[in-house]
Amino acid sequence: MDVLIIEDEDAAVRRLAKLIQEIDPDMQVIATLDSIESALIWFEENPMPELLFLDIHLADGSSFELFQHLSITKPIIFTTAYDQYAIQAFKVNAIDYLLKPIKKNELQEALSKYKNLEKKQIIDYQALAKAVNREEYSKRFLIRFGQQIKVIEMQDAAYFYTLEKITFLVSKEGKRYPMDHSLDRLEEMADPKQFFRINRQFIINIHAIKEMYAYSKSRIKIELEPACDLETIVSTERSPLFKKWLTGE
């Protein structure tokens, strides 16, 4: 039985592969991938494996982006280090959800559930992603600065960025607010149709893009509105996905 692991933490990959082998030696991990980009390339050149293990949060974005570009027809067991996701949506769609670090008994239960699935059962992963997104995308933030508390709608955020280990929200009016959330967490909370993480430092609203310019190494330089003093360049590995995001793919 062919198994594909998509996970960006080496230690988690080694542990998962070891546990799979211990539980069922007939399961063979045929490949391990660490990003959305590498997964898209892999699926272009290889047939669909019988079972996938998919980390929800990868280094270059949410793994739900894969469902916008691929028709995945085989069962997936999702893994994550976070427990904020819409677990009920996974249950309704007959998909397992494992919290890292993965425990052997929980993995064994997930594999048993997989083996008991009806062979003809088709799982709509796009519907799953929409169900999770509906519950998980934040609509507003509670911002504290000094003695003041302010509520800001997610749609009113022009972009988020980190500087000296502090995360900031910049509103469409150009006001800057410090935030408690990390950029990784904000990426999970934001609607991917409206927001995109262009590099390790920035998440931008599509409506905050004023101008775009071709840059070296196939990268794209962005001029934001409101203006930003920091350089905003789409990283090389994110550029292909960024172009698809711009066109709504």
C-alpha atoms as a PDB file:
ATOM      1  CA  MET A   1       0.000   0.000   0.000  1.00  0.00           C
ATOM      2  CA  ASP A   2       1.540   3.307  -1.118  1.00  0.00           C
ATOM      3  CA  VAL A   3       1.560   6.186   1.360  1.00  0.00           C
ATOM      4  CA  LEU A   4       2.541   9.824   0.742  1.00  0.00           C
ATOM      5  CA  ILE A   5       3.520  12.149   3.606  1.00  0.00           C
ATOM      6  CA  ILE A   6       3.330  15.922   3.136  1.00  0.00           C
ATOM      7  CA  GLU A   7       4.907  17.479   6.225  1.00  0.00           C
ATOM      8  CA  ASP A   8       7.529  20.202   6.674  1.00  0.00           C
ATOM      9  CA  GLU A   9       9.038  19.097   9.999  1.00  0.00           C
ATOM     10  CA  ASP A  10      11.766  16.469   9.594  1.00  0.00           C
ATOM     11  CA  ALA A  11      11.296  15.045  13.081  1.00  0.00           C
ATOM     12  CA  ALA A  12       7.538  14.674  12.515  1.00  0.00           C
ATOM     13  CA  VAL A  13       8.160  12.915   9.193  1.00  0.00           C
ATOM     14  CA  ARG A  14      10.582  10.436  10.740  1.00  0.00           C
ATOM     15  CA  ARG A  15       8.252   9.702  13.639  1.00  0.00           C
ATOM     16  CA  LEU A  16       5.195   9.253  11.430  1.00  0.00           C
ATOM     17  CA  ALA A  17       7.013   6.974   8.972  1.00  0.00           C
ATOM     18  CA  LYS A  18       8.368   4.871  11.850  1.00  0.00           C
ATOM     19  CA  LEU A  19       4.929   4.496  13.446  1.00  0.00           C
ATOM     20  CA  ILE A  20       3.304   3.580  10.144  1.00  0.00           C
ATOM     21  CA  GLN A  21       5.872   0.843   9.591  1.00  0.00           C
ATOM     22  CA  GLU A  22       5.409  -0.489  13.129  1.00  0.00           C
ATOM     23  CA  ILE A  23       1.635  -0.606  12.803  1.00  0.00           C
ATOM     24  CA  ASP A  24       1.465  -2.039   9.290  1.00  0.00           C
ATOM     25  CA  PRO A  25       4.655  -3.220   7.538  1.00  0.00           C
ATOM     26  CA  ASP A  26       2.674  -3.547   4.287  1.00  0.00           C
ATOM     27  CA  MET A  27       2.346   0.236   4.113  1.00  0.00           C
ATOM     28  CA  GLN A  28       5.188   1.792   2.134  1.00  0.00           C
ATOM     29  CA  VAL A  29       6.010   5.515   2.371  1.00  0.00           C
ATOM     30  CA  ILE A  30       6.842   6.256  -1.263  1.00  0.00           C
ATOM     31  CA  ALA A  31       7.704   9.934  -0.796  1.00  0.00           C
ATOM     32  CA  THR A  32       7.844  12.745   1.760  1.00  0.00           C
ATOM     33  CA  LEU A  33       7.224  16.331   0.652  1.00  0.00           C
ATOM     34  CA  ASP A  34       7.602  19.532   2.640  1.00  0.00           C
ATOM     35  CA  SER A  35       5.657  22.229   0.774  1.00  0.00           C
ATOM     36  CA  ILE A  36       2.692  23.045  -1.437  1.00  0.00           C
ATOM     37  CA  GLU A  37       5.027  23.783  -4.324  1.00  0.00           C
ATOM     38  CA  SER A  38       6.850  20.439  -4.089  1.00  0.00           C
ATOM     39  CA  ALA A  39       3.517  18.620  -3.799  1.00  0.00           C
ATOM     40  CA  LEU A  40       2.145  20.246  -6.955  1.00  0.00           C
ATOM     41  CA  ILE A  41       5.284  19.236  -8.850  1.00  0.00           C
ATOM     42  CA  TRP A  42       5.182  15.693  -7.440  1.00  0.00           C
ATOM     43  CA  PHE A  43       1.547  15.125  -8.437  1.00  0.00           C
ATOM     44  CA  GLU A  44       2.305  16.226 -11.991  1.00  0.00           C
ATOM     45  CA  GLU A  45       4.825  13.400 -12.341  1.00  0.00           C
ATOM     46  CA  ASN A  46       3.357  10.615 -10.172  1.00  0.00           C
ATOM     47  CA  PRO A  47       0.099   8.673  -9.813  1.00  0.00           C
ATOM     48  CA  MET A  48      -2.189   9.253  -6.859  1.00  0.00           C
ATOM     49  CA  PRO A  49      -1.039   7.246  -3.798  1.00  0.00           C
ATOM     50  CA  GLU A  50      -3.553   5.102  -1.911  1.00  0.00           C
ATOM     51  CA  LEU A  51      -3.340   7.177   1.268  1.00  0.00           C
ATOM     52  CA  LEU A  52      -2.039  10.651   2.106  1.00  0.00           C
ATOM     53  CA  PHE A  53      -0.904  12.169   5.390  1.00  0.00           C
ATOM     54  CA  LEU A  54      -1.217  15.936   5.088  1.00  0.00           C
ATOM     55  CA  ASP A  55      -0.013  18.559   7.551  1.00  0.00           C
ATOM     56  CA  ILE A  56      -2.516  21.409   7.534  1.00  0.00           C
ATOM     57  CA  HIS A  57       0.081  24.145   7.936  1.00  0.00           C
ATOM     58  CA  LEU A  58       3.126  23.969   5.643  1.00  0.00           C
ATOM     59  CA  ALA A  59       6.079  26.340   5.312  1.00  0.00           C
ATOM     60  CA  ASP A  60       4.687  27.987   2.166  1.00  0.00           C
ATOM     61  CA  GLY A  61       1.042  28.187   3.177  1.00  0.00           C
ATOM     62  CA  SER A  62      -2.099  26.291   4.163  1.00  0.00           C
ATOM     63  CA  SER A  63      -2.275  22.825   2.635  1.00  0.00           C
ATOM     64  CA  PHE A  64      -5.904  23.534   1.741  1.00  0.00           C
ATOM     65  CA  GLU A  65      -4.452  25.452  -1.202  1.00  0.00           C
ATOM     66  CA  LEU A  66      -3.715  22.076  -2.795  1.00  0.00           C
ATOM     67  CA  PHE A  67      -7.420  21.449  -3.281  1.00  0.00           C
ATOM     68  CA  GLN A  68      -7.650  24.564  -5.448  1.00  0.00           C
ATOM     69  CA  HIS A  69      -5.209  23.046  -7.940  1.00  0.00           C
ATOM     70  CA  LEU A  70      -5.563  19.280  -7.578  1.00  0.00           C
ATOM     71  CA  SER A  71      -8.338  16.723  -7.699  1.00  0.00           C
ATOM     72  CA  ILE A  72      -7.340  14.425  -4.855  1.00  0.00           C
ATOM     73  CA  THR A  73      -9.392  11.241  -5.032  1.00  0.00           C
ATOM     74  CA  LYS A  74      -7.818   9.196  -2.245  1.00  0.00           C
ATOM     75  CA  PRO A  75      -8.340   9.370   1.537  1.00  0.00           C
ATOM     76  CA  ILE A  76      -6.342  11.858   3.587  1.00  0.00           C
ATOM     77  CA  ILE A  77      -5.411  11.738   7.252  1.00  0.00           C
ATOM     78  CA  PHE A  78      -4.754  15.316   8.348  1.00  0.00           C
ATOM     79  CA  THR A  79      -2.145  16.231  10.952  1.00  0.00           C
ATOM     80  CA  THR A  80      -1.495  19.510  12.730  1.00  0.00           C
ATOM     81  CA  ALA A  81       0.174  21.042  15.754  1.00  0.00           C
ATOM     82  CA  TYR A  82      -2.899  23.217  16.377  1.00  0.00           C
ATOM     83  CA  ASP A  83      -6.260  22.261  17.799  1.00  0.00           C
ATOM     84  CA  GLN A  84      -8.283  25.283  16.686  1.00  0.00           C
ATOM     85  CA  TYR A  85      -9.602  23.702  13.501  1.00  0.00           C
ATOM     86  CA  ALA A  86     -13.216  22.762  12.854  1.00  0.00           C
ATOM     87  CA  ILE A  87     -12.942  19.177  14.012  1.00  0.00           C
ATOM     88  CA  GLN A  88     -16.632  18.586  13.417  1.00  0.00           C
ATOM     89  CA  ALA A  89     -16.148  19.317   9.712  1.00  0.00           C
ATOM     90  CA  PHE A  90     -13.551  16.540   9.541  1.00  0.00           C
ATOM     91  CA  LYS A  91     -15.862  14.093  11.298  1.00  0.00           C
ATOM     92  CA  VAL A  92     -18.770  14.878   9.002  1.00  0.00           C
ATOM     93  CA  ASN A  93     -16.571  14.218   5.977  1.00  0.00           C
ATOM     94  CA  ALA A  94     -15.298  10.873   7.363  1.00  0.00           C
ATOM     95  CA  ILE A  95     -11.726  12.132   7.554  1.00  0.00           C
ATOM     96  CA  ASP A  96      -9.346  11.637  10.424  1.00  0.00           C
ATOM     97  CA  TYR A  97      -7.574  14.482  12.160  1.00  0.00           C
ATOM     98  CA  LEU A  98      -4.488  13.830  14.306  1.00  0.00           C
ATOM     99  CA  LEU A  99      -2.931  16.317  16.680  1.00  0.00           C
ATOM    100  CA  LYS A 100       0.875  16.382  16.809  1.00  0.00           C
ATOM    101  CA  PRO A 101       2.881  14.862  18.353  1.00  0.00           C
ATOM    102  CA  ILE A 102       0.998  11.881  16.972  1.00  0.00           C
ATOM    103  CA  LYS A 103       0.332   9.042  19.393  1.00  0.00           C
ATOM    104  CA  LYS A 104       0.685   5.476  18.183  1.00  0.00           C
ATOM    105  CA  ASN A 105      -2.746   4.371  19.405  1.00  0.00           C
ATOM    106  CA  GLU A 106      -4.452   7.336  17.702  1.00  0.00           C
ATOM    107  CA  LEU A 107      -2.633   6.640  14.452  1.00  0.00           C
ATOM    108  CA  GLN A 108      -3.630   2.987  14.706  1.00  0.00           C
ATOM    109  CA  GLU A 109      -7.283   3.997  15.094  1.00  0.00           C
ATOM    110  CA  ALA A 110      -7.015   6.330  12.098  1.00  0.00           C
ATOM    111  CA  LEU A 111      -5.525   3.593   9.929  1.00  0.00           C
ATOM    112  CA  SER A 112      -8.240   1.162  11.016  1.00  0.00           C
ATOM    113  CA  LYS A 113     -10.846   3.719  10.055  1.00  0.00           C
ATOM    114  CA  TYR A 114      -9.171   4.170   6.675  1.00  0.00           C
ATOM    115  CA  LYS A 115      -9.181   0.421   6.012  1.00  0.00           C
ATOM    116  CA  ASN A 116     -12.878   0.236   6.872  1.00  0.00           C
ATOM    117  CA  LEU A 117     -13.860   3.005   4.465  1.00  0.00           C
ATOM    118  CA  GLU A 118     -16.102   1.982   1.609  1.00  0.00           C
ATOM    119  CA  LYS A 119     -13.918   1.627  -1.458  1.00  0.00           C
ATOM    120  CA  LYS A 120     -16.314   3.672  -3.558  1.00  0.00           C
ATOM    121  CA  GLN A 121     -16.706   6.392  -0.960  1.00  0.00           C
ATOM    122  CA  ILE A 122     -15.764   9.757  -2.431  1.00  0.00           C
ATOM    123  CA  ILE A 123     -14.719  12.550  -0.097  1.00  0.00           C
ATOM    124  CA  ASP A 124     -15.212  16.114  -1.270  1.00  0.00           C
ATOM    125  CA  TYR A 125     -12.075  17.828   0.015  1.00  0.00           C
ATOM    126  CA  GLN A 126     -13.002  21.178  -1.493  1.00  0.00           C
ATOM    127  CA  ALA A 127     -16.245  21.081   0.485  1.00  0.00           C
ATOM    128  CA  LEU A 128     -14.238  20.202   3.573  1.00  0.00           C
ATOM    129  CA  ALA A 129     -11.896  23.138   3.048  1.00  0.00           C
ATOM    130  CA  LYS A 130     -14.875  25.468   2.651  1.00  0.00           C
ATOM    131  CA  ALA A 131     -16.499  24.075   5.805  1.00  0.00           C
ATOM    132  CA  VAL A 132     -13.321  24.568   7.821  1.00  0.00           C
ATOM    133  CA  ASN A 133     -12.716  27.992   6.330  1.00  0.00           C
ATOM    134  CA  ARG A 134     -16.240  29.118   7.106  1.00  0.00           C
ATOM    135  CA  GLU A 135     -15.688  28.379  10.767  1.00  0.00           C
ATOM    136  CA  GLU A 136     -12.068  29.392  11.041  1.00  0.00           C
ATOM    137  CA  TYR A 137     -11.614  32.621   9.092  1.00  0.00           C
ATOM    138  CA  SER A 138     -11.673  35.440  11.590  1.00  0.00           C
ATOM    139  CA  LYS A 139     -13.982  38.364  10.966  1.00  0.00           C
ATOM    140  CA  ARG A 140     -12.470  40.799  13.450  1.00  0.00           C
ATOM    141  CA  PHE A 141      -9.603  41.404  15.861  1.00  0.00           C
ATOM    142  CA  LEU A 142      -9.561  42.856  19.328  1.00  0.00           C
ATOM    143  CA  ILE A 143      -6.517  45.140  19.457  1.00  0.00           C
ATOM    144  CA  ARG A 144      -5.090  46.450  22.722  1.00  0.00           C
ATOM    145  CA  PHE A 145      -2.664  49.366  22.764  1.00  0.00           C
ATOM    146  CA  GLY A 146      -1.985  51.256  25.980  1.00  0.00           C
ATOM    147  CA  GLN A 147      -5.268  51.581  27.866  1.00  0.00           C
ATOM    148  CA  GLN A 148      -7.307  51.473  24.674  1.00  0.00           C
ATOM    149  CA  ILE A 149      -9.100  48.543  23.078  1.00  0.00           C
ATOM    150  CA  LYS A 150     -10.115  48.648  19.428  1.00  0.00           C
ATOM    151  CA  VAL A 151     -12.047  46.226  17.207  1.00  0.00           C
ATOM    152  CA  ILE A 152     -10.775  45.925  13.644  1.00  0.00           C
ATOM    153  CA  GLU A 153     -12.528  43.952  10.928  1.00  0.00           C
ATOM    154  CA  MET A 154     -10.334  41.461   9.073  1.00  0.00           C
ATOM    155  CA  GLN A 155     -11.423  42.943   5.744  1.00  0.00           C
ATOM    156  CA  ASP A 156     -10.127  46.342   6.899  1.00  0.00           C
ATOM    157  CA  ALA A 157      -6.564  45.016   7.260  1.00  0.00           C
ATOM    158  CA  ALA A 158      -4.346  46.050   4.339  1.00  0.00           C
ATOM    159  CA  TYR A 159      -1.462  43.826   5.396  1.00  0.00           C
ATOM    160  CA  PHE A 160       0.299  42.154   8.310  1.00  0.00           C
ATOM    161  CA  TYR A 161       4.040  42.011   8.865  1.00  0.00           C
ATOM    162  CA  THR A 162       6.643  41.140  11.472  1.00  0.00           C
ATOM    163  CA  LEU A 163       9.496  43.364  12.606  1.00  0.00           C
ATOM    164  CA  GLU A 164      11.906  42.574  15.425  1.00  0.00           C
ATOM    165  CA  LYS A 165       9.703  39.660  16.549  1.00  0.00           C
ATOM    166  CA  ILE A 166       6.591  41.834  16.784  1.00  0.00           C
ATOM    167  CA  THR A 167       3.582  41.335  14.495  1.00  0.00           C
ATOM    168  CA  PHE A 168       1.753  44.393  13.179  1.00  0.00           C
ATOM    169  CA  LEU A 169      -1.542  44.995  11.414  1.00  0.00           C
ATOM    170  CA  VAL A 170      -1.718  47.965   9.040  1.00  0.00           C
ATOM    171  CA  SER A 171      -5.246  49.127   8.321  1.00  0.00           C
ATOM    172  CA  LYS A 172      -6.507  50.470   5.003  1.00  0.00           C
ATOM    173  CA  GLU A 173      -6.317  53.934   6.579  1.00  0.00           C
ATOM    174  CA  GLY A 174      -2.599  53.445   7.198  1.00  0.00           C
ATOM    175  CA  LYS A 175      -2.778  52.993  10.967  1.00  0.00           C
ATOM    176  CA  ARG A 176      -0.456  50.434  12.522  1.00  0.00           C
ATOM    177  CA  TYR A 177      -1.386  48.202  15.455  1.00  0.00           C
ATOM    178  CA  PRO A 178       0.713  45.590  17.326  1.00  0.00           C
ATOM    179  CA  MET A 179      -0.869  42.141  17.535  1.00  0.00           C
ATOM    180  CA  ASP A 180      -0.671  39.115  19.802  1.00  0.00           C
ATOM    181  CA  HIS A 181      -0.965  36.643  16.913  1.00  0.00           C
ATOM    182  CA  SER A 182       2.034  35.278  15.039  1.00  0.00           C
ATOM    183  CA  LEU A 183       2.169  35.571  11.266  1.00  0.00           C
ATOM    184  CA  ASP A 184       1.767  31.792  11.019  1.00  0.00           C
ATOM    185  CA  ARG A 185      -1.457  31.947  13.010  1.00  0.00           C
ATOM    186  CA  LEU A 186      -2.757  34.921  11.014  1.00  0.00           C
ATOM    187  CA  GLU A 187      -2.171  32.974   7.816  1.00  0.00           C
ATOM    188  CA  GLU A 188      -4.489  30.269   9.123  1.00  0.00           C
ATOM    189  CA  MET A 189      -7.105  32.804  10.218  1.00  0.00           C
ATOM    190  CA  ALA A 190      -7.202  34.814   6.978  1.00  0.00           C
ATOM    191  CA  ASP A 191      -9.365  34.025   3.957  1.00  0.00           C
ATOM    192  CA  PRO A 192      -6.896  32.790   1.279  1.00  0.00           C
ATOM    193  CA  LYS A 193      -9.025  34.328  -1.463  1.00  0.00           C
ATOM    194  CA  GLN A 194      -8.338  37.774  -0.015  1.00  0.00           C
ATOM    195  CA  PHE A 195      -4.987  37.398   1.779  1.00  0.00           C
ATOM    196  CA  PHE A 196      -1.696  35.881   0.662  1.00  0.00           C
ATOM    197  CA  ARG A 197       1.604  35.337   2.443  1.00  0.00           C
ATOM    198  CA  ILE A 198       4.197  36.663   0.011  1.00  0.00           C
ATOM    199  CA  ASN A 199       7.211  35.780   2.174  1.00  0.00           C
ATOM    200  CA  ARG A 200       8.184  35.022   5.766  1.00  0.00           C
ATOM    201  CA  GLN A 201       7.567  38.634   6.807  1.00  0.00           C
ATOM    202  CA  PHE A 202       4.359  39.722   5.031  1.00  0.00           C
ATOM    203  CA  ILE A 203       0.735  38.725   4.502  1.00  0.00           C
ATOM    204  CA  ILE A 204      -1.072  41.116   2.158  1.00  0.00           C
ATOM    205  CA  ASN A 205      -4.653  41.885   1.215  1.00  0.00           C
ATOM    206  CA  ILE A 206      -5.207  41.679  -2.545  1.00  0.00           C
ATOM    207  CA  HIS A 207      -6.856  45.107  -2.375  1.00  0.00           C
ATOM    208  CA  ALA A 208      -3.660  46.617  -0.890  1.00  0.00           C
ATOM    209  CA  ILE A 209      -1.655  45.969  -4.058  1.00  0.00           C
ATOM    210  CA  LYS A 210      -0.996  49.280  -5.822  1.00  0.00           C
ATOM    211  CA  GLU A 211       1.677  48.246  -8.355  1.00  0.00           C
ATOM    212  CA  MET A 212       3.687  45.127  -9.211  1.00  0.00           C
ATOM    213  CA  TYR A 213       7.066  44.858 -10.915  1.00  0.00           C
ATOM    214  CA  ALA A 214       9.145  41.980 -12.260  1.00  0.00           C
ATOM    215  CA  TYR A 215      12.142  41.377 -10.023  1.00  0.00           C
ATOM    216  CA  SER A 216      15.241  39.176 -10.085  1.00  0.00           C
ATOM    217  CA  LYS A 217      15.054  35.359  -9.854  1.00  0.00           C
ATOM    218  CA  SER A 218      11.426  35.306 -11.070  1.00  0.00           C
ATOM    219  CA  ARG A 219      10.320  37.259  -8.018  1.00  0.00           C
ATOM    220  CA  ILE A 220       7.737  40.037  -7.937  1.00  0.00           C
ATOM    221  CA  LYS A 221       8.149  43.373  -6.184  1.00  0.00           C
ATOM    222  CA  ILE A 222       4.966  44.905  -4.793  1.00  0.00           C
ATOM    223  CA  GLU A 223       4.085  48.492  -4.012  1.00  0.00           C
ATOM    224  CA  LEU A 224       1.475  48.557  -1.283  1.00  0.00           C
ATOM    225  CA  GLU A 225      -1.261  51.039  -0.455  1.00  0.00           C
ATOM    226  CA  PRO A 226      -0.978  52.291   2.278  1.00  0.00           C
ATOM    227  CA  ALA A 227       2.734  52.600   1.585  1.00  0.00           C
ATOM    228  CA  CYS A 228       5.228  50.513   3.520  1.00  0.00           C
ATOM    229  CA  ASP A 229       8.820  51.477   4.318  1.00  0.00           C
ATOM    230  CA  LEU A 230       9.916  47.846   4.218  1.00  0.00           C
ATOM    231  CA  GLU A 231      10.729  46.019   0.993  1.00  0.00           C
ATOM    232  CA  THR A 232       7.827  43.826  -0.125  1.00  0.00           C
ATOM    233  CA  ILE A 233       8.956  41.124  -2.547  1.00  0.00           C
ATOM    234  CA  VAL A 234       7.228  37.836  -3.270  1.00  0.00           C
ATOM    235  CA  SER A 235       9.729  35.081  -2.505  1.00  0.00           C
ATOM    236  CA  THR A 236      10.926  32.788  -5.285  1.00  0.00           C
ATOM    237  CA  GLU A 237       9.127  29.733  -3.903  1.00  0.00           C
ATOM    238  CA  ARG A 238       5.864  31.654  -3.420  1.00  0.00           C
ATOM    239  CA  SER A 239       5.823  33.406  -6.817  1.00  0.00           C
ATOM    240  CA  PRO A 240       4.091  30.597  -8.810  1.00  0.00           C
ATOM    241  CA  LEU A 241       1.299  30.324  -6.226  1.00  0.00           C
ATOM    242  CA  PHE A 242       1.061  34.111  -5.987  1.00  0.00           C
ATOM    243  CA  LYS A 243       0.375  34.385  -9.718  1.00  0.00           C
ATOM    244  CA  LYS A 244      -2.357  31.773  -9.466  1.00  0.00           C
ATOM    245  CA  TRP A 245      -3.819  33.570  -6.444  1.00  0.00           C
ATOM    246  CA  LEU A 246      -3.992  36.833  -8.383  1.00  0.00           C
ATOM    247  CA  THR A 247      -6.098  35.200 -11.071  1.00  0.00           C
ATOM    248  CA  GLY A 248      -8.324  33.359  -8.624  1.00  0.00           C
ATOM    249  CA  GLU A 249      -7.069  29.873  -9.487  1.00  0.00           C
END
